């Protein structure tokens, strides 16, 4: 069964837009895990526009508590994504390696995004970046993390991820999702299926992520049943706004109708 890791970045975006502590990343973690998610994903960036180092530390601590008494098969996983080449900043971002050393996640997904990118939009070019990645992969593994490399499904050198020491790749599914939305996705789907098979053939595990949703996810998993994990944030939070909005409005309407004496003494 493919595992679902929920990306909490958008919860932090909303919190940061207002300041303060709401909505709470920890409260969101409680909800998604109680609902059955297999783990949590965060992608802290140097500009700290969403998930911040304090969130990484708080989630690591929360997961450590949540995992007490769980067997290895039931263990909730923590996945930290980020660009390993991004430098620490004066504003408080310590760099990906330092975050991993502190939080000790189960998995680190290395992504080649620049500091100013709105979202990840391409995988690694391993011919260009392989030499720099190799020692970082080893360093992260020495910290106890499984290492996954964000890769394009049509990458010609996808297999080299194994040579560099990576444990998994994460297929960048943005092009597939975009094609799916336009109804002409057979080629992109086939690329994902072939990439999954190629990776598995050399001993790499396969994850997938980016713009996956309730419509395109089952189609992808039927074509590439070997995918071990998907990380989903943006579409999932978008759906949650609507699926949970009506019941919340109903609750507020009920609260509006309460008389002071119904509330009891405070």
C-alpha atoms as a PDB file:
ATOM      1  CA  UNK A   1       0.000   0.000   0.000  1.00  0.00           C
ATOM      2  CA  UNK A   2       1.347   3.405  -0.977  1.00  0.00           C
ATOM      3  CA  UNK A   3       1.890   5.614   2.069  1.00  0.00           C
ATOM      4  CA  UNK A   4       0.468   9.135   2.313  1.00  0.00           C
ATOM      5  CA  UNK A   5       2.645  11.856   3.809  1.00  0.00           C
ATOM      6  CA  UNK A   6       0.779  15.141   4.279  1.00  0.00           C
ATOM      7  CA  UNK A   7       2.696  18.324   3.516  1.00  0.00           C
ATOM      8  CA  UNK A   8       1.909  21.003   6.125  1.00  0.00           C
ATOM      9  CA  UNK A   9       3.472  23.980   4.347  1.00  0.00           C
ATOM     10  CA  UNK A  10       0.139  25.621   3.526  1.00  0.00           C
ATOM     11  CA  UNK A  11      -0.924  25.589   7.169  1.00  0.00           C
ATOM     12  CA  UNK A  12       2.158  27.659   7.969  1.00  0.00           C
ATOM     13  CA  UNK A  13       1.507  29.986   5.009  1.00  0.00           C
ATOM     14  CA  UNK A  14      -1.875  30.921   6.458  1.00  0.00           C
ATOM     15  CA  UNK A  15      -0.453  31.360   9.956  1.00  0.00           C
ATOM     16  CA  UNK A  16       2.400  33.533   8.753  1.00  0.00           C
ATOM     17  CA  UNK A  17       0.062  35.753   6.736  1.00  0.00           C
ATOM     18  CA  UNK A  18      -1.584  36.916   9.971  1.00  0.00           C
ATOM     19  CA  UNK A  19       1.127  36.333  12.546  1.00  0.00           C
ATOM     20  CA  UNK A  20       0.559  34.627  15.849  1.00  0.00           C
ATOM     21  CA  UNK A  21      -0.042  30.911  16.201  1.00  0.00           C
ATOM     22  CA  UNK A  22      -3.184  30.166  14.198  1.00  0.00           C
ATOM     23  CA  UNK A  23      -3.679  27.916  12.401  1.00  0.00           C
ATOM     24  CA  UNK A  24      -1.405  25.653  14.403  1.00  0.00           C
ATOM     25  CA  UNK A  25       0.930  23.326  12.528  1.00  0.00           C
ATOM     26  CA  UNK A  26       0.844  20.943  15.498  1.00  0.00           C
ATOM     27  CA  UNK A  27      -2.960  20.925  15.600  1.00  0.00           C
ATOM     28  CA  UNK A  28      -2.975  20.170  11.877  1.00  0.00           C
ATOM     29  CA  UNK A  29      -0.535  17.308  12.461  1.00  0.00           C
ATOM     30  CA  UNK A  30      -2.880  15.904  15.097  1.00  0.00           C
ATOM     31  CA  UNK A  31      -5.813  15.983  12.707  1.00  0.00           C
ATOM     32  CA  UNK A  32      -4.131  14.429   9.679  1.00  0.00           C
ATOM     33  CA  UNK A  33      -2.510  11.645  11.705  1.00  0.00           C
ATOM     34  CA  UNK A  34      -5.766  10.902  13.540  1.00  0.00           C
ATOM     35  CA  UNK A  35      -7.422  10.668  10.120  1.00  0.00           C
ATOM     36  CA  UNK A  36      -4.957   7.943   9.089  1.00  0.00           C
ATOM     37  CA  UNK A  37      -2.069   9.669   7.305  1.00  0.00           C
ATOM     38  CA  UNK A  38       1.196   7.735   7.435  1.00  0.00           C
ATOM     39  CA  UNK A  39       3.476  10.685   8.051  1.00  0.00           C
ATOM     40  CA  UNK A  40       4.222  14.379   7.702  1.00  0.00           C
ATOM     41  CA  UNK A  41       6.215  16.358   5.157  1.00  0.00           C
ATOM     42  CA  UNK A  42       7.624  19.870   5.440  1.00  0.00           C
ATOM     43  CA  UNK A  43       9.696  21.892   3.006  1.00  0.00           C
ATOM     44  CA  UNK A  44      11.367  24.743   4.919  1.00  0.00           C
ATOM     45  CA  UNK A  45      12.904  27.373   2.667  1.00  0.00           C
ATOM     46  CA  UNK A  46      15.564  29.992   3.402  1.00  0.00           C
ATOM     47  CA  UNK A  47      13.058  32.870   3.220  1.00  0.00           C
ATOM     48  CA  UNK A  48      10.899  31.127   5.871  1.00  0.00           C
ATOM     49  CA  UNK A  49       7.708  32.069   4.065  1.00  0.00           C
ATOM     50  CA  UNK A  50       5.927  29.001   5.409  1.00  0.00           C
ATOM     51  CA  UNK A  51       7.458  26.218   7.520  1.00  0.00           C
ATOM     52  CA  UNK A  52      10.124  27.641   9.824  1.00  0.00           C
ATOM     53  CA  UNK A  53      12.919  25.991  11.827  1.00  0.00           C
ATOM     54  CA  UNK A  54      10.806  26.228  15.002  1.00  0.00           C
ATOM     55  CA  UNK A  55       8.080  24.225  13.236  1.00  0.00           C
ATOM     56  CA  UNK A  56      10.570  21.542  12.243  1.00  0.00           C
ATOM     57  CA  UNK A  57      11.702  21.206  15.865  1.00  0.00           C
ATOM     58  CA  UNK A  58       8.135  21.158  17.206  1.00  0.00           C
ATOM     59  CA  UNK A  59       6.990  18.548  14.701  1.00  0.00           C
ATOM     60  CA  UNK A  60      10.001  16.339  15.386  1.00  0.00           C
ATOM     61  CA  UNK A  61       9.188  16.413  19.077  1.00  0.00           C
ATOM     62  CA  UNK A  62       5.481  15.804  18.454  1.00  0.00           C
ATOM     63  CA  UNK A  63       6.217  12.818  16.224  1.00  0.00           C
ATOM     64  CA  UNK A  64       8.643  11.350  18.750  1.00  0.00           C
ATOM     65  CA  UNK A  65       5.836  11.379  21.303  1.00  0.00           C
ATOM     66  CA  UNK A  66       3.263  10.069  18.824  1.00  0.00           C
ATOM     67  CA  UNK A  67       5.544   7.159  17.900  1.00  0.00           C
ATOM     68  CA  UNK A  68       5.978   5.899  21.438  1.00  0.00           C
ATOM     69  CA  UNK A  69       4.520   2.438  21.683  1.00  0.00           C
ATOM     70  CA  UNK A  70       4.143   2.065  17.909  1.00  0.00           C
ATOM     71  CA  UNK A  71       5.798  -0.843  16.166  1.00  0.00           C
ATOM     72  CA  UNK A  72       8.104  -0.303  13.210  1.00  0.00           C
ATOM     73  CA  UNK A  73       5.320  -0.997  10.710  1.00  0.00           C
ATOM     74  CA  UNK A  74       3.034   1.579  12.348  1.00  0.00           C
ATOM     75  CA  UNK A  75       5.738   4.206  12.805  1.00  0.00           C
ATOM     76  CA  UNK A  76       4.796   7.695  11.604  1.00  0.00           C
ATOM     77  CA  UNK A  77       7.492   9.115   9.347  1.00  0.00           C
ATOM     78  CA  UNK A  78       8.859  12.635   9.153  1.00  0.00           C
ATOM     79  CA  UNK A  79      10.034  13.786   5.724  1.00  0.00           C
ATOM     80  CA  UNK A  80      11.989  17.031   5.359  1.00  0.00           C
ATOM     81  CA  UNK A  81      12.410  18.438   1.860  1.00  0.00           C
ATOM     82  CA  UNK A  82      14.908  21.059   0.819  1.00  0.00           C
ATOM     83  CA  UNK A  83      17.786  22.231  -1.297  1.00  0.00           C
ATOM     84  CA  UNK A  84      21.031  20.947   0.252  1.00  0.00           C
ATOM     85  CA  UNK A  85      23.019  23.675  -1.519  1.00  0.00           C
ATOM     86  CA  UNK A  86      21.068  26.595  -0.003  1.00  0.00           C
ATOM     87  CA  UNK A  87      23.158  28.513   2.495  1.00  0.00           C
ATOM     88  CA  UNK A  88      22.182  29.453   6.027  1.00  0.00           C
ATOM     89  CA  UNK A  89      20.696  32.928   6.354  1.00  0.00           C
ATOM     90  CA  UNK A  90      21.031  35.742   8.867  1.00  0.00           C
ATOM     91  CA  UNK A  91      17.267  35.609   9.406  1.00  0.00           C
ATOM     92  CA  UNK A  92      17.492  32.227  11.097  1.00  0.00           C
ATOM     93  CA  UNK A  93      17.423  29.505   8.445  1.00  0.00           C
ATOM     94  CA  UNK A  94      20.315  27.215   9.489  1.00  0.00           C
ATOM     95  CA  UNK A  95      20.610  25.215   6.271  1.00  0.00           C
ATOM     96  CA  UNK A  96      19.130  21.819   5.460  1.00  0.00           C
ATOM     97  CA  UNK A  97      21.923  19.704   6.943  1.00  0.00           C
ATOM     98  CA  UNK A  98      21.698  21.532  10.275  1.00  0.00           C
ATOM     99  CA  UNK A  99      17.919  21.092  10.368  1.00  0.00           C
ATOM    100  CA  UNK A 100      18.259  17.373   9.720  1.00  0.00           C
ATOM    101  CA  UNK A 101      20.978  17.021  12.356  1.00  0.00           C
ATOM    102  CA  UNK A 102      18.641  18.602  14.891  1.00  0.00           C
ATOM    103  CA  UNK A 103      15.320  17.005  13.916  1.00  0.00           C
ATOM    104  CA  UNK A 104      16.565  13.560  12.823  1.00  0.00           C
ATOM    105  CA  UNK A 105      13.762  12.870  10.311  1.00  0.00           C
ATOM    106  CA  UNK A 106      13.135   9.451   8.823  1.00  0.00           C
ATOM    107  CA  UNK A 107      13.580  10.768   5.299  1.00  0.00           C
ATOM    108  CA  UNK A 108      15.169  13.739   3.573  1.00  0.00           C
ATOM    109  CA  UNK A 109      14.060  14.626   0.067  1.00  0.00           C
ATOM    110  CA  UNK A 110      16.651  16.711  -1.753  1.00  0.00           C
ATOM    111  CA  UNK A 111      15.143  19.215  -4.179  1.00  0.00           C
ATOM    112  CA  UNK A 112      17.021  21.545  -6.575  1.00  0.00           C
ATOM    113  CA  UNK A 113      14.858  24.642  -6.057  1.00  0.00           C
ATOM    114  CA  UNK A 114      16.339  28.118  -5.919  1.00  0.00           C
ATOM    115  CA  UNK A 115      15.674  30.392  -2.958  1.00  0.00           C
ATOM    116  CA  UNK A 116      13.156  32.490  -4.889  1.00  0.00           C
ATOM    117  CA  UNK A 117      11.058  29.730  -6.437  1.00  0.00           C
ATOM    118  CA  UNK A 118       7.381  29.754  -5.535  1.00  0.00           C
ATOM    119  CA  UNK A 119       7.341  25.962  -5.697  1.00  0.00           C
ATOM    120  CA  UNK A 120       9.546  23.140  -6.951  1.00  0.00           C
ATOM    121  CA  UNK A 121       9.326  22.809 -10.722  1.00  0.00           C
ATOM    122  CA  UNK A 122      12.093  20.448 -11.878  1.00  0.00           C
ATOM    123  CA  UNK A 123      14.246  17.556 -10.775  1.00  0.00           C
ATOM    124  CA  UNK A 124      18.001  17.235 -10.417  1.00  0.00           C
ATOM    125  CA  UNK A 125      20.399  17.108 -13.333  1.00  0.00           C
ATOM    126  CA  UNK A 126      22.669  14.422 -11.908  1.00  0.00           C
ATOM    127  CA  UNK A 127      25.364  14.971 -14.513  1.00  0.00           C
ATOM    128  CA  UNK A 128      25.677  18.532 -13.275  1.00  0.00           C
ATOM    129  CA  UNK A 129      25.000  18.073  -9.548  1.00  0.00           C
ATOM    130  CA  UNK A 130      26.038  14.485  -8.864  1.00  0.00           C
ATOM    131  CA  UNK A 131      29.530  15.208  -7.580  1.00  0.00           C
ATOM    132  CA  UNK A 132      28.223  17.734  -5.059  1.00  0.00           C
ATOM    133  CA  UNK A 133      25.334  15.510  -4.002  1.00  0.00           C
ATOM    134  CA  UNK A 134      27.336  12.364  -3.264  1.00  0.00           C
ATOM    135  CA  UNK A 135      28.994  13.512  -0.003  1.00  0.00           C
ATOM    136  CA  UNK A 136      25.799  15.217   1.190  1.00  0.00           C
ATOM    137  CA  UNK A 137      23.800  12.026   0.659  1.00  0.00           C
ATOM    138  CA  UNK A 138      26.326  10.119   2.765  1.00  0.00           C
ATOM    139  CA  UNK A 139      26.273  12.806   5.472  1.00  0.00           C
ATOM    140  CA  UNK A 140      22.468  12.733   5.697  1.00  0.00           C
ATOM    141  CA  UNK A 141      22.414   8.947   5.840  1.00  0.00           C
ATOM    142  CA  UNK A 142      24.950   9.066   8.665  1.00  0.00           C
ATOM    143  CA  UNK A 143      22.371  11.147  10.543  1.00  0.00           C
ATOM    144  CA  UNK A 144      19.909   8.272  10.200  1.00  0.00           C
ATOM    145  CA  UNK A 145      17.842   9.569   7.296  1.00  0.00           C
ATOM    146  CA  UNK A 146      16.719   7.780   4.160  1.00  0.00           C
ATOM    147  CA  UNK A 147      17.648  10.030   1.220  1.00  0.00           C
ATOM    148  CA  UNK A 148      15.432  10.626  -1.793  1.00  0.00           C
ATOM    149  CA  UNK A 149      16.307  12.750  -4.835  1.00  0.00           C
ATOM    150  CA  UNK A 150      13.648  14.806  -6.638  1.00  0.00           C
ATOM    151  CA  UNK A 151      13.800  13.702 -10.272  1.00  0.00           C
ATOM    152  CA  UNK A 152      11.992  14.368 -13.543  1.00  0.00           C
ATOM    153  CA  UNK A 153      10.155  11.324 -14.852  1.00  0.00           C
ATOM    154  CA  UNK A 154      11.847  11.694 -18.240  1.00  0.00           C
ATOM    155  CA  UNK A 155      15.366  12.058 -16.826  1.00  0.00           C
ATOM    156  CA  UNK A 156      17.934  10.206 -18.909  1.00  0.00           C
ATOM    157  CA  UNK A 157      20.234   9.628 -15.935  1.00  0.00           C
ATOM    158  CA  UNK A 158      17.688   8.676 -13.292  1.00  0.00           C
ATOM    159  CA  UNK A 159      19.556   5.442 -12.511  1.00  0.00           C
ATOM    160  CA  UNK A 160      22.615   7.412 -11.451  1.00  0.00           C
ATOM    161  CA  UNK A 161      20.800   8.326  -8.241  1.00  0.00           C
ATOM    162  CA  UNK A 162      21.637   4.819  -7.053  1.00  0.00           C
ATOM    163  CA  UNK A 163      25.304   5.228  -7.958  1.00  0.00           C
ATOM    164  CA  UNK A 164      25.408   8.383  -5.840  1.00  0.00           C
ATOM    165  CA  UNK A 165      24.110   6.431  -2.852  1.00  0.00           C
ATOM    166  CA  UNK A 166      20.492   7.628  -2.739  1.00  0.00           C
ATOM    167  CA  UNK A 167      17.886   5.283  -1.288  1.00  0.00           C
ATOM    168  CA  UNK A 168      14.932   6.566  -3.308  1.00  0.00           C
ATOM    169  CA  UNK A 169      13.878   9.053  -5.913  1.00  0.00           C
ATOM    170  CA  UNK A 170      10.776  11.210  -5.806  1.00  0.00           C
ATOM    171  CA  UNK A 171       9.137  11.586  -9.184  1.00  0.00           C
ATOM    172  CA  UNK A 172       8.221  15.180  -9.982  1.00  0.00           C
ATOM    173  CA  UNK A 173       4.602  14.671 -11.032  1.00  0.00           C
ATOM    174  CA  UNK A 174       3.802  18.279 -11.953  1.00  0.00           C
ATOM    175  CA  UNK A 175       3.892  17.687 -15.735  1.00  0.00           C
ATOM    176  CA  UNK A 176       1.672  14.604 -15.353  1.00  0.00           C
ATOM    177  CA  UNK A 177      -0.829  16.502 -13.209  1.00  0.00           C
ATOM    178  CA  UNK A 178      -0.960  19.402 -15.661  1.00  0.00           C
ATOM    179  CA  UNK A 179      -1.517  17.040 -18.585  1.00  0.00           C
ATOM    180  CA  UNK A 180      -4.202  15.204 -16.612  1.00  0.00           C
ATOM    181  CA  UNK A 181      -6.046  18.476 -16.032  1.00  0.00           C
ATOM    182  CA  UNK A 182      -6.109  19.031 -19.786  1.00  0.00           C
ATOM    183  CA  UNK A 183      -7.273  15.475 -20.537  1.00  0.00           C
ATOM    184  CA  UNK A 184      -4.240  14.440 -22.606  1.00  0.00           C
ATOM    185  CA  UNK A 185      -1.971  12.688 -20.139  1.00  0.00           C
ATOM    186  CA  UNK A 186      -1.184   9.243 -21.576  1.00  0.00           C
ATOM    187  CA  UNK A 187       2.406  10.114 -22.470  1.00  0.00           C
ATOM    188  CA  UNK A 188       3.171  11.713 -19.114  1.00  0.00           C
ATOM    189  CA  UNK A 189       1.587   8.805 -17.268  1.00  0.00           C
ATOM    190  CA  UNK A 190       3.675   6.348 -19.251  1.00  0.00           C
ATOM    191  CA  UNK A 191       6.814   8.319 -18.390  1.00  0.00           C
ATOM    192  CA  UNK A 192       5.990   8.011 -14.690  1.00  0.00           C
ATOM    193  CA  UNK A 193       5.353   4.283 -15.004  1.00  0.00           C
ATOM    194  CA  UNK A 194       8.579   3.712 -16.943  1.00  0.00           C
ATOM    195  CA  UNK A 195      10.607   5.843 -14.528  1.00  0.00           C
ATOM    196  CA  UNK A 196       9.251   3.837 -11.602  1.00  0.00           C
ATOM    197  CA  UNK A 197      10.253   0.580 -13.262  1.00  0.00           C
ATOM    198  CA  UNK A 198      13.704   1.902 -14.182  1.00  0.00           C
ATOM    199  CA  UNK A 199      14.363   3.068 -10.639  1.00  0.00           C
ATOM    200  CA  UNK A 200      13.214  -0.186  -9.093  1.00  0.00           C
ATOM    201  CA  UNK A 201      15.345  -2.164 -11.512  1.00  0.00           C
ATOM    202  CA  UNK A 202      18.500  -0.628 -10.014  1.00  0.00           C
ATOM    203  CA  UNK A 203      17.327  -0.965  -6.416  1.00  0.00           C
ATOM    204  CA  UNK A 204      15.860   2.487  -5.806  1.00  0.00           C
ATOM    205  CA  UNK A 205      12.614   3.023  -3.956  1.00  0.00           C
ATOM    206  CA  UNK A 206      10.172   5.419  -5.594  1.00  0.00           C
ATOM    207  CA  UNK A 207       8.141   8.257  -4.096  1.00  0.00           C
ATOM    208  CA  UNK A 208       6.024  10.767  -6.006  1.00  0.00           C
ATOM    209  CA  UNK A 209       4.793  14.264  -5.433  1.00  0.00           C
ATOM    210  CA  UNK A 210       3.619  17.594  -6.817  1.00  0.00           C
ATOM    211  CA  UNK A 211       0.075  18.549  -7.779  1.00  0.00           C
ATOM    212  CA  UNK A 212      -1.294  15.094  -7.060  1.00  0.00           C
ATOM    213  CA  UNK A 213      -4.979  15.119  -6.135  1.00  0.00           C
ATOM    214  CA  UNK A 214      -7.993  12.857  -5.653  1.00  0.00           C
ATOM    215  CA  UNK A 215      -8.582  12.555  -9.411  1.00  0.00           C
ATOM    216  CA  UNK A 216      -5.078  11.966 -10.791  1.00  0.00           C
ATOM    217  CA  UNK A 217      -3.594   9.991  -7.879  1.00  0.00           C
ATOM    218  CA  UNK A 218      -5.462   6.682  -8.363  1.00  0.00           C
ATOM    219  CA  UNK A 219      -4.695   6.743 -12.092  1.00  0.00           C
ATOM    220  CA  UNK A 220      -0.995   7.185 -11.358  1.00  0.00           C
ATOM    221  CA  UNK A 221      -0.911   4.416  -8.761  1.00  0.00           C
ATOM    222  CA  UNK A 222      -2.645   1.964 -11.092  1.00  0.00           C
ATOM    223  CA  UNK A 223      -0.010   2.654 -13.752  1.00  0.00           C
ATOM    224  CA  UNK A 224       2.909   2.623 -11.290  1.00  0.00           C
ATOM    225  CA  UNK A 225       1.845   0.393  -8.388  1.00  0.00           C
ATOM    226  CA  UNK A 226       5.379   0.247  -7.007  1.00  0.00           C
ATOM    227  CA  UNK A 227       5.297   3.828  -5.714  1.00  0.00           C
ATOM    228  CA  UNK A 228       6.087   3.615  -2.003  1.00  0.00           C
ATOM    229  CA  UNK A 229       4.942   7.058  -0.860  1.00  0.00           C
ATOM    230  CA  UNK A 230       3.208  10.186  -2.086  1.00  0.00           C
ATOM    231  CA  UNK A 231       3.518  13.547  -0.376  1.00  0.00           C
ATOM    232  CA  UNK A 232       0.555  15.839  -0.933  1.00  0.00           C
ATOM    233  CA  UNK A 233      -0.096  19.279   0.466  1.00  0.00           C
ATOM    234  CA  UNK A 234      -1.517  21.960  -1.800  1.00  0.00           C
ATOM    235  CA  UNK A 235      -4.396  19.987  -3.317  1.00  0.00           C
ATOM    236  CA  UNK A 236      -5.207  18.280  -0.028  1.00  0.00           C
ATOM    237  CA  UNK A 237      -5.472  21.575   1.866  1.00  0.00           C
ATOM    238  CA  UNK A 238      -7.516  23.052  -0.979  1.00  0.00           C
ATOM    239  CA  UNK A 239      -9.987  20.169  -0.752  1.00  0.00           C
ATOM    240  CA  UNK A 240     -10.113  20.453   3.025  1.00  0.00           C
ATOM    241  CA  UNK A 241     -11.182  24.092   2.812  1.00  0.00           C
ATOM    242  CA  UNK A 242     -14.375  23.059   1.047  1.00  0.00           C
ATOM    243  CA  UNK A 243     -15.007  19.624   2.519  1.00  0.00           C
ATOM    244  CA  UNK A 244     -14.773  21.027   6.034  1.00  0.00           C
ATOM    245  CA  UNK A 245     -16.140  24.533   5.453  1.00  0.00           C
ATOM    246  CA  UNK A 246     -19.850  23.757   5.527  1.00  0.00           C
ATOM    247  CA  UNK A 247     -19.692  21.897   8.848  1.00  0.00           C
ATOM    248  CA  UNK A 248     -17.673  24.744  10.349  1.00  0.00           C
ATOM    249  CA  UNK A 249     -20.211  27.359   9.241  1.00  0.00           C
ATOM    250  CA  UNK A 250     -22.953  25.200  10.787  1.00  0.00           C
ATOM    251  CA  UNK A 251     -21.039  25.102  14.058  1.00  0.00           C
ATOM    252  CA  UNK A 252     -20.676  28.882  14.066  1.00  0.00           C
ATOM    253  CA  UNK A 253     -24.377  29.317  13.363  1.00  0.00           C
ATOM    254  CA  UNK A 254     -25.126  27.070  16.319  1.00  0.00           C
ATOM    255  CA  UNK A 255     -22.760  29.068  18.514  1.00  0.00           C
ATOM    256  CA  UNK A 256     -24.418  32.294  17.395  1.00  0.00           C
ATOM    257  CA  UNK A 257     -27.731  30.997  18.681  1.00  0.00           C
ATOM    258  CA  UNK A 258     -26.493  30.202  22.190  1.00  0.00           C
ATOM    259  CA  UNK A 259     -27.810  32.380  24.971  1.00  0.00           C
ATOM    260  CA  UNK A 260     -25.432  33.718  27.618  1.00  0.00           C
ATOM    261  CA  UNK A 261     -26.948  31.458  30.264  1.00  0.00           C
ATOM    262  CA  UNK A 262     -26.299  28.428  28.021  1.00  0.00           C
ATOM    263  CA  UNK A 263     -22.580  29.112  28.141  1.00  0.00           C
ATOM    264  CA  UNK A 264     -22.317  28.784  31.921  1.00  0.00           C
ATOM    265  CA  UNK A 265     -20.112  30.860  34.147  1.00  0.00           C
ATOM    266  CA  UNK A 266     -16.625  31.837  32.967  1.00  0.00           C
END
